Protein backbone atom coordinates (compact mmCIF):
# COMPACT_ATOMS: atom_id res chain seq x y z
CA MET A 1 -0.03 0.02 0.04
CA GLU A 2 1.32 3.27 -1.33
CA PRO A 3 1.68 6.38 1.39
CA ASN A 4 -1.27 9.08 1.00
CA TYR A 5 0.98 11.88 0.03
CA THR A 6 -0.33 15.61 0.26
CA GLU A 7 0.00 17.71 -3.13
CA GLN A 8 2.64 19.89 -1.11
CA GLU A 9 4.55 16.43 -0.10
CA ARG A 10 4.51 15.45 -3.70
CA TYR A 11 5.55 18.85 -4.81
CA TYR A 12 8.45 18.92 -2.56
CA GLN A 13 9.63 15.29 -3.60
CA ALA A 14 9.46 16.21 -7.34
CA LYS A 15 11.24 19.31 -6.74
CA LYS A 16 14.23 17.45 -4.67
CA LYS A 17 14.29 15.05 -7.57
CA VAL A 18 14.51 17.64 -10.19
CA GLU A 19 17.22 19.32 -7.98
CA ASP A 20 19.48 15.92 -7.67
CA ILE A 21 19.12 15.42 -11.39
CA LYS A 22 20.24 19.26 -12.19
CA GLY A 23 23.18 18.55 -9.62
CA PHE A 24 24.35 15.00 -11.30
CA TYR A 25 24.18 17.26 -15.00
CA GLY A 26 26.28 19.62 -13.24
CA ASN A 27 28.64 17.36 -12.03
CA LEU A 28 28.94 15.18 -15.42
CA ILE A 29 29.64 18.74 -17.05
CA ALA A 30 32.48 19.42 -15.07
CA TYR A 31 33.65 15.99 -15.58
CA ILE A 32 33.86 16.62 -19.42
CA ILE A 33 35.12 20.07 -19.24
CA PHE A 34 37.89 19.38 -16.83
CA ASN A 35 38.84 15.90 -17.94
CA GLY A 36 39.02 17.56 -21.60
CA PHE A 37 41.56 20.07 -19.96
CA PHE A 38 43.53 17.59 -18.12
CA LEU A 39 43.88 15.35 -21.95
CA VAL A 40 45.04 18.52 -23.72
CA LEU A 41 47.21 19.76 -20.72
CA ASN A 42 48.57 16.45 -20.81
CA LEU A 43 49.37 15.94 -24.35
CA LEU A 44 50.77 19.42 -24.73
CA THR A 45 52.99 19.20 -21.64
CA SER A 46 54.51 15.89 -21.50
CA PRO A 47 52.84 13.49 -24.42
CA ASN A 48 55.14 11.01 -23.39
CA GLU A 49 54.10 10.29 -19.88
CA LEU A 50 50.36 10.12 -20.02
CA TRP A 51 48.78 10.75 -16.66
CA PHE A 52 45.26 12.26 -17.80
CA TYR A 53 43.42 8.69 -17.29
CA TRP A 54 44.17 8.88 -13.49
CA PRO A 55 41.68 11.59 -12.50
CA LEU A 56 39.24 10.70 -15.40
CA LEU A 57 38.94 7.00 -14.20
CA GLY A 58 38.80 8.47 -10.38
CA TRP A 59 36.18 11.02 -10.87
CA GLY A 60 34.72 8.73 -13.58
CA VAL A 61 33.91 6.26 -10.87
CA GLY A 62 32.03 9.09 -8.66
CA VAL A 63 29.96 10.37 -11.77
CA LEU A 64 28.94 6.90 -12.25
CA PHE A 65 27.85 6.27 -8.48
CA HIS A 66 26.32 9.46 -8.51
CA GLY A 67 24.34 8.85 -11.51
CA MET A 68 23.39 5.30 -10.14
CA LYS A 69 21.85 6.92 -6.99
CA VAL A 70 19.85 9.89 -8.89
CA PHE A 71 18.21 7.81 -11.40
CA ASN A 72 17.25 5.12 -8.74
CA TYR A 73 19.58 2.49 -10.66
CA SER A 74 21.15 -0.31 -8.29
CA PRO A 75 21.54 -3.55 -9.94
CA PHE A 76 22.87 -5.48 -6.82
CA LEU A 77 20.82 -4.01 -4.45
CA SER A 78 17.24 -2.91 -5.81
CA LYS A 79 14.18 -2.23 -4.05
CA ASP A 80 13.00 -5.45 -4.13
CA TRP A 81 16.04 -6.86 -2.56
CA GLU A 82 15.82 -4.55 0.25
CA ALA A 83 12.22 -5.01 0.89
CA ARG A 84 12.97 -8.76 1.17
CA LYS A 85 15.76 -8.08 3.36
CA MET A 86 14.02 -5.99 5.91
CA LYS A 87 11.14 -8.53 6.13
CA GLU A 88 13.83 -11.28 6.71
CA PHE A 89 15.45 -8.95 9.72
CA MET A 90 12.02 -8.11 11.24
CA GLU A 91 11.11 -11.79 10.98
CA GLU A 92 14.12 -12.84 12.48
CA GLU A 93 13.92 -10.30 15.30
CA LYS A 94 10.05 -11.67 16.09
CA ARG A 95 11.60 -15.08 16.41
CA ASN A 96 14.47 -13.78 18.67
CA ALA A 97 11.79 -12.18 20.89
CA ASN A 98 9.60 -15.31 21.31
CA ASN A 99 12.79 -17.19 22.15
CA TRP A 100 13.44 -14.87 25.07
CA GLN A 101 9.89 -15.39 26.54
C-alpha cells in the first residue's frame, strides 16, 4: 500500500528529484570539461608520460555512482532486495523476541 501523500509533499519530492538530477548533470558537465582540459594539458606538456586517465578514472567512478543514485539504478541492491531483506530482519527479530519469552 502506497502512502497517501499530500499535494505539497508530492511537490517537494518532485522538486528534490529535479534538484538531484540538475546536480548530477552539473557534475557530469564539470567532469567532461575538466577532463578534456587535463587531456589537452597532458598532451601539450608531457605527451610521453600520460597521466590524464587517473583523474578521468577516479572522478568517473564518482560520476557513475552519483548517476546510479540519482536515477535509482541499483542492479545489486534493488528496492525488491531491500524489501525482502527488511522483512527477513523483522522476522528474525520476532523469532528472537519469542525465544526470550
